[in-house]
């Protein structure tokens, strides 16, 4: 069965040890398989402490890299590029420590940075990205972690907006260690057919994030989720689906995320209603050995309380 997770950004930013201690038992009680942990700044949370907490809660982990202001791999000065590479290496180290096999995010430019690019300039950025990302990928492969690069919509970046652009940009990096992080929110804006774009990425998908077209709970929208999930399986991706949404108080990318109104009855409801919607769809998928899924420890947890009157998910313990 495909693992289902949720990003802690649904509730808090930046993530801290205290917040993780509050969130993890509740997420496990609702029936999730893993938590996604954003590293807004190295040291916000302790990877060793987090690993113990998640293991005790019966949860796996994935890790999100965060390209806040000043983090740039392309169209920047050498000092900024080196500082960003150093940050990404430390995110990889945190992932390896907490037990995540992937770090995912827009590992090329700060979120919200947009500018006009000529075709020649875009080709130059492609070469820059390959050169800048290669040592990070080498570091990740040595740690047993894959780098999943996320295309963002046109309002959040000028660099990579579509699956095809990302595939081209990563063509000279090793596919087993560096691939795509697909976020259905961005795909709904940029791809003419989400499922067909997923099919074109077959063999290079390393991570998938999901939410409604408005950043609310998956299923409370117009998207054809059965077709999306089927396309992922047919493309050979049997790794986790991670619900990603935000509060208006997000410390790193609030303006780019543009969450200015409630997207559900509560933040809890985004997670729980999304899980309740996705679990039956993914349970009915053809069985497969998921090579890119994190190892998930067994768990047995009581169903935790849900704020805002959201539907409760079935505990899978």
Protein backbone atom coordinates (compact mmCIF):
# COMPACT_ATOMS: atom_id res chain seq x y z
CA UNK A 1 0.00 0.00 0.00
CA UNK A 2 1.30 3.44 -0.92
CA UNK A 3 2.43 5.55 2.03
CA UNK A 4 0.58 8.80 2.72
CA UNK A 5 2.15 11.72 4.52
CA UNK A 6 1.64 15.35 5.43
CA UNK A 7 4.00 18.31 5.60
CA UNK A 8 4.23 20.08 8.95
CA UNK A 9 3.76 23.37 7.08
CA UNK A 10 0.05 22.62 7.27
CA UNK A 11 0.29 23.76 10.91
CA UNK A 12 3.50 25.65 11.62
CA UNK A 13 6.50 27.54 10.27
CA UNK A 14 9.33 27.22 11.03
CA UNK A 15 9.23 23.69 12.38
CA UNK A 16 10.75 23.31 15.87
CA UNK A 17 11.31 20.37 18.20
CA UNK A 18 8.43 21.54 20.37
CA UNK A 19 6.01 21.79 17.46
CA UNK A 20 7.09 18.40 16.15
CA UNK A 21 6.38 16.84 19.53
CA UNK A 22 2.88 18.32 19.35
CA UNK A 23 2.16 17.34 15.75
CA UNK A 24 3.66 13.85 15.35
CA UNK A 25 1.43 11.86 17.76
CA UNK A 26 -1.72 13.45 16.34
CA UNK A 27 -0.70 12.74 12.74
CA UNK A 28 0.07 9.12 13.64
CA UNK A 29 -3.26 8.78 15.42
CA UNK A 30 -5.15 9.92 12.33
CA UNK A 31 -3.53 7.13 10.30
CA UNK A 32 -0.77 8.84 8.33
CA UNK A 33 2.37 6.89 7.49
CA UNK A 34 4.92 9.69 7.52
CA UNK A 35 5.64 13.34 8.25
CA UNK A 36 7.43 15.71 5.90
CA UNK A 37 9.86 17.98 7.72
CA UNK A 38 10.89 21.30 6.12
CA UNK A 39 14.36 22.63 6.92
CA UNK A 40 13.81 26.38 6.76
CA UNK A 41 17.07 26.92 8.62
CA UNK A 42 19.49 24.24 9.72
CA UNK A 43 19.14 23.82 13.48
CA UNK A 44 15.43 24.71 13.71
CA UNK A 45 14.83 21.09 14.70
CA UNK A 46 17.15 18.30 15.83
CA UNK A 47 17.26 15.39 13.33
CA UNK A 48 18.31 12.81 15.95
CA UNK A 49 15.58 13.87 18.33
CA UNK A 50 13.10 13.91 15.45
CA UNK A 51 14.04 10.39 14.38
CA UNK A 52 13.43 9.03 17.87
CA UNK A 53 10.09 10.83 18.12
CA UNK A 54 8.92 9.62 14.72
CA UNK A 55 10.00 6.04 15.36
CA UNK A 56 8.18 6.08 18.70
CA UNK A 57 5.09 7.40 16.88
CA UNK A 58 5.33 4.80 14.11
CA UNK A 59 6.00 7.39 11.42
CA UNK A 60 8.48 7.57 8.56
CA UNK A 61 9.97 10.84 7.32
CA UNK A 62 10.63 12.84 4.20
CA UNK A 63 12.50 16.14 4.17
CA UNK A 64 11.75 19.35 2.28
CA UNK A 65 14.51 21.77 1.34
CA UNK A 66 13.44 25.41 1.53
CA UNK A 67 14.68 28.01 -0.94
CA UNK A 68 14.00 31.15 1.01
CA UNK A 69 15.32 34.61 0.19
CA UNK A 70 19.03 34.62 -0.60
CA UNK A 71 19.30 30.92 -1.53
CA UNK A 72 20.32 30.71 -5.19
CA UNK A 73 22.14 28.18 -7.36
CA UNK A 74 21.70 30.06 -10.64
CA UNK A 75 21.99 33.67 -11.82
CA UNK A 76 23.87 34.64 -8.69
CA UNK A 77 27.34 35.38 -7.35
CA UNK A 78 29.81 32.64 -6.38
CA UNK A 79 29.49 33.32 -2.65
CA UNK A 80 25.71 32.94 -2.66
CA UNK A 81 25.96 29.78 -4.76
CA UNK A 82 28.46 28.23 -2.35
CA UNK A 83 26.37 29.17 0.70
CA UNK A 84 23.32 27.59 -0.95
CA UNK A 85 25.25 24.43 -1.77
CA UNK A 86 26.42 24.24 1.83
CA UNK A 87 22.84 24.64 3.04
CA UNK A 88 21.64 21.87 0.71
CA UNK A 89 24.38 19.52 1.90
CA UNK A 90 23.32 20.09 5.49
CA UNK A 91 19.70 19.39 4.54
CA UNK A 92 20.88 16.11 3.03
CA UNK A 93 22.70 15.33 6.29
CA UNK A 94 19.52 16.06 8.26
CA UNK A 95 17.56 13.76 5.95
CA UNK A 96 20.04 10.93 6.36
CA UNK A 97 19.93 11.31 10.13
CA UNK A 98 16.14 11.41 10.41
CA UNK A 99 15.78 8.43 8.05
CA UNK A 100 14.51 10.14 4.91
CA UNK A 101 15.67 8.81 1.54
CA UNK A 102 14.81 12.05 -0.25
CA UNK A 103 15.17 15.81 0.00
CA UNK A 104 12.66 17.66 -2.16
CA UNK A 105 12.11 21.21 -3.27
CA UNK A 106 13.00 23.86 -5.87
CA UNK A 107 16.77 23.45 -5.62
CA UNK A 108 17.69 26.16 -8.09
CA UNK A 109 16.40 29.61 -7.01
CA UNK A 110 14.60 31.33 -4.17
CA UNK A 111 10.83 30.96 -4.23
CA UNK A 112 9.17 34.10 -5.56
CA UNK A 113 12.16 35.25 -7.61
CA UNK A 114 11.01 35.86 -11.18
CA UNK A 115 12.64 37.62 -14.13
CA UNK A 116 12.52 37.57 -17.92
CA UNK A 117 14.73 34.97 -19.62
CA UNK A 118 15.70 34.83 -23.27
CA UNK A 119 16.18 31.37 -24.83
CA UNK A 120 19.94 31.87 -24.66
CA UNK A 121 19.78 32.89 -21.00
CA UNK A 122 17.65 29.85 -20.22
CA UNK A 123 20.21 27.56 -21.82
CA UNK A 124 22.88 29.23 -19.73
CA UNK A 125 20.90 28.61 -16.56
CA UNK A 126 20.60 24.95 -17.48
CA UNK A 127 24.39 24.63 -17.58
CA UNK A 128 24.72 26.63 -14.36
CA UNK A 129 22.24 24.40 -12.57
CA UNK A 130 23.98 21.20 -13.66
CA UNK A 131 27.33 22.50 -12.43
CA UNK A 132 25.94 23.86 -9.15
CA UNK A 133 23.76 20.89 -8.29
CA UNK A 134 26.26 18.16 -9.18
CA UNK A 135 28.32 18.34 -5.95
CA UNK A 136 25.13 18.38 -3.89
CA UNK A 137 23.89 15.28 -5.70
CA UNK A 138 27.26 13.59 -5.14
CA UNK A 139 27.02 14.35 -1.42
CA UNK A 140 23.45 13.04 -1.34
CA UNK A 141 24.24 9.82 -3.17
CA UNK A 142 27.05 9.08 -0.70
CA UNK A 143 24.53 9.54 2.13
CA UNK A 144 21.90 7.31 0.50
CA UNK A 145 19.60 10.27 -0.17
CA UNK A 146 18.07 11.36 -3.49
CA UNK A 147 17.60 14.99 -4.55
CA UNK A 148 14.13 15.68 -5.97
CA UNK A 149 13.92 18.99 -7.84
CA UNK A 150 10.50 20.63 -7.89
CA UNK A 151 9.17 22.73 -10.78
CA UNK A 152 7.09 25.66 -9.51
CA UNK A 153 4.40 27.67 -11.22
CA UNK A 154 5.21 30.78 -13.24
CA UNK A 155 4.29 33.14 -10.40
CA UNK A 156 6.89 31.61 -8.07
CA UNK A 157 9.89 31.13 -10.36
CA UNK A 158 11.17 31.83 -13.85
CA UNK A 159 13.54 28.86 -13.90
CA UNK A 160 11.60 25.57 -13.98
CA UNK A 161 7.82 25.59 -14.42
CA UNK A 162 7.03 22.32 -16.20
CA UNK A 163 7.97 18.65 -16.14
CA UNK A 164 9.57 18.95 -19.57
CA UNK A 165 11.74 21.89 -18.49
CA UNK A 166 12.84 20.02 -15.39
CA UNK A 167 13.64 16.84 -17.29
CA UNK A 168 15.77 18.82 -19.71
CA UNK A 169 17.53 20.70 -16.89
CA UNK A 170 18.42 17.49 -15.03
CA UNK A 171 19.36 15.44 -18.09
CA UNK A 172 23.09 15.48 -17.32
CA UNK A 173 22.69 14.47 -13.67
CA UNK A 174 22.39 10.81 -12.60
CA UNK A 175 18.73 9.77 -12.66
CA UNK A 176 19.11 7.34 -9.75
CA UNK A 177 20.28 10.12 -7.46
CA UNK A 178 18.54 13.22 -8.86
CA UNK A 179 15.01 13.42 -10.21
CA UNK A 180 11.77 15.32 -10.01
CA UNK A 181 9.54 16.31 -7.13
CA UNK A 182 6.08 16.70 -8.60
CA UNK A 183 3.63 19.02 -6.83
CA UNK A 184 0.11 18.65 -8.20
CA UNK A 185 -0.72 22.23 -7.21
CA UNK A 186 1.90 23.61 -9.58
CA UNK A 187 1.15 21.02 -12.25
CA UNK A 188 -2.50 22.06 -12.30
CA UNK A 189 -1.37 25.56 -13.31
CA UNK A 190 1.40 24.72 -15.76
CA UNK A 191 0.61 21.35 -17.37
CA UNK A 192 -2.07 21.00 -20.04
CA UNK A 193 -2.69 17.44 -18.83
CA UNK A 194 -1.37 16.48 -15.38
CA UNK A 195 -1.53 12.72 -15.95
CA UNK A 196 0.24 12.94 -19.30
CA UNK A 197 2.99 15.08 -17.75
CA UNK A 198 3.44 12.45 -15.05
CA UNK A 199 3.80 9.81 -17.77
CA UNK A 200 6.54 11.84 -19.48
CA UNK A 201 8.45 11.89 -16.18
CA UNK A 202 8.41 8.10 -15.85
CA UNK A 203 11.59 6.76 -14.30
CA UNK A 204 12.63 10.14 -12.94
CA UNK A 205 9.96 10.81 -10.28
CA UNK A 206 11.49 10.79 -6.79
CA UNK A 207 8.80 12.53 -4.74
CA UNK A 208 5.17 13.70 -5.03
CA UNK A 209 3.28 16.38 -3.09
CA UNK A 210 -0.48 16.74 -3.30
CA UNK A 211 -3.25 19.16 -2.39
CA UNK A 212 -6.39 20.60 -3.92
CA UNK A 213 -6.10 23.09 -6.77
CA UNK A 214 -6.54 25.88 -4.18
CA UNK A 215 -4.02 24.35 -1.69
CA UNK A 216 -6.83 22.81 0.34
CA UNK A 217 -7.49 19.12 0.97
CA UNK A 218 -7.09 16.74 -1.99
CA UNK A 219 -10.52 15.76 -3.25
CA UNK A 220 -12.16 19.12 -2.49
CA UNK A 221 -11.45 20.25 -6.04
CA UNK A 222 -11.86 19.55 -9.75
CA UNK A 223 -8.81 17.30 -10.23
CA UNK A 224 -9.10 13.74 -11.53
CA UNK A 225 -7.26 12.09 -8.67
CA UNK A 226 -7.93 8.51 -9.76
CA UNK A 227 -6.28 9.24 -13.09
CA UNK A 228 -3.37 11.06 -11.40
CA UNK A 229 -2.69 8.18 -9.01
CA UNK A 230 -3.02 5.65 -11.83
CA UNK A 231 -0.51 7.62 -13.94
CA UNK A 232 1.96 7.62 -11.05
CA UNK A 233 1.75 3.85 -10.74
CA UNK A 234 2.04 3.33 -14.49
CA UNK A 235 5.12 5.59 -14.43
CA UNK A 236 6.76 3.34 -11.84
CA UNK A 237 6.41 5.68 -8.89
CA UNK A 238 5.09 3.91 -5.80
CA UNK A 239 6.60 6.27 -3.25
CA UNK A 240 4.66 8.45 -0.81
CA UNK A 241 2.05 11.07 -1.58
CA UNK A 242 2.55 13.97 0.83
CA UNK A 243 -0.14 16.56 1.50
CA UNK A 244 1.41 20.03 1.40
CA UNK A 245 -0.44 23.18 2.36
CA UNK A 246 0.38 26.26 4.40
CA UNK A 247 -0.78 28.68 7.01
CA UNK A 248 -0.78 32.39 6.28
CA UNK A 249 2.02 32.70 8.86
CA UNK A 250 4.58 30.68 6.87
CA UNK A 251 7.92 32.24 7.75
CA UNK A 252 9.84 31.49 4.55
CA UNK A 253 7.53 31.58 1.54
CA UNK A 254 4.27 33.15 2.71
CA UNK A 255 4.09 35.70 -0.11
CA UNK A 256 4.90 33.14 -2.80
CA UNK A 257 2.46 30.60 -1.39
CA UNK A 258 -0.22 33.32 -1.22
CA UNK A 259 -2.47 31.65 1.34
CA UNK A 260 -4.60 34.59 2.41
CA UNK A 261 -7.82 32.82 3.49
CA UNK A 262 -8.86 29.61 5.24
CA UNK A 263 -8.76 26.64 2.86
CA UNK A 264 -10.81 24.30 5.07
CA UNK A 265 -12.70 24.35 8.36
CA UNK A 266 -9.31 24.04 10.09
CA UNK A 267 -5.72 23.13 9.32
CA UNK A 268 -6.42 19.71 10.84
CA UNK A 269 -9.23 19.23 8.34
CA UNK A 270 -6.88 19.75 5.38
CA UNK A 271 -4.82 16.79 6.59
CA UNK A 272 -7.58 14.50 7.81
CA UNK A 273 -10.01 15.04 4.94
CA UNK A 274 -7.17 14.68 2.45
CA UNK A 275 -6.12 11.40 4.04
CA UNK A 276 -9.70 10.11 4.08
CA UNK A 277 -9.99 10.90 0.37
CA UNK A 278 -6.64 9.52 -0.74
CA UNK A 279 -6.52 6.29 1.26
CA UNK A 280 -9.25 4.44 -0.71
CA UNK A 281 -7.80 5.57 -4.05
CA UNK A 282 -4.30 4.40 -3.20
CA UNK A 283 -5.45 1.21 -1.51
CA UNK A 284 -7.12 0.12 -4.75
CA UNK A 285 -3.90 0.55 -6.76
CA UNK A 286 -2.25 -2.57 -8.19
CA UNK A 287 0.22 -3.88 -5.65
CA UNK A 288 3.90 -3.27 -6.26
CA UNK A 289 7.09 -3.25 -4.28
CA UNK A 290 7.72 0.45 -3.78
CA UNK A 291 11.45 0.98 -4.34
CA UNK A 292 11.30 4.66 -3.41
CA UNK A 293 9.08 4.42 -0.34
CA UNK A 294 10.62 5.05 3.06
CA UNK A 295 10.68 2.17 5.50
CA UNK A 296 7.69 2.65 7.73
CA UNK A 297 7.72 1.16 11.22
CA UNK A 298 4.58 -0.52 12.49
CA UNK A 299 2.27 1.47 14.72
CA UNK A 300 -0.81 1.18 16.84
CA UNK A 301 -2.25 4.52 17.91
CA UNK A 302 -5.59 5.77 19.15
CA UNK A 303 -7.44 8.15 16.88
CA UNK A 304 -6.48 11.67 17.86
CA UNK A 305 -8.82 14.66 18.08
CA UNK A 306 -9.48 16.74 14.98
CA UNK A 307 -10.03 20.47 15.17
CA UNK A 308 -12.65 22.10 12.99
CA UNK A 309 -15.05 19.22 12.55
CA UNK A 310 -13.09 17.51 9.74
CA UNK A 311 -13.84 13.89 8.83
CA UNK A 312 -11.73 11.48 10.83
CA UNK A 313 -9.46 9.15 8.96
CA UNK A 314 -9.46 5.44 9.62
CA UNK A 315 -6.52 4.38 11.76
CA UNK A 316 -4.33 1.98 9.79
CA UNK A 317 -2.42 0.59 12.77
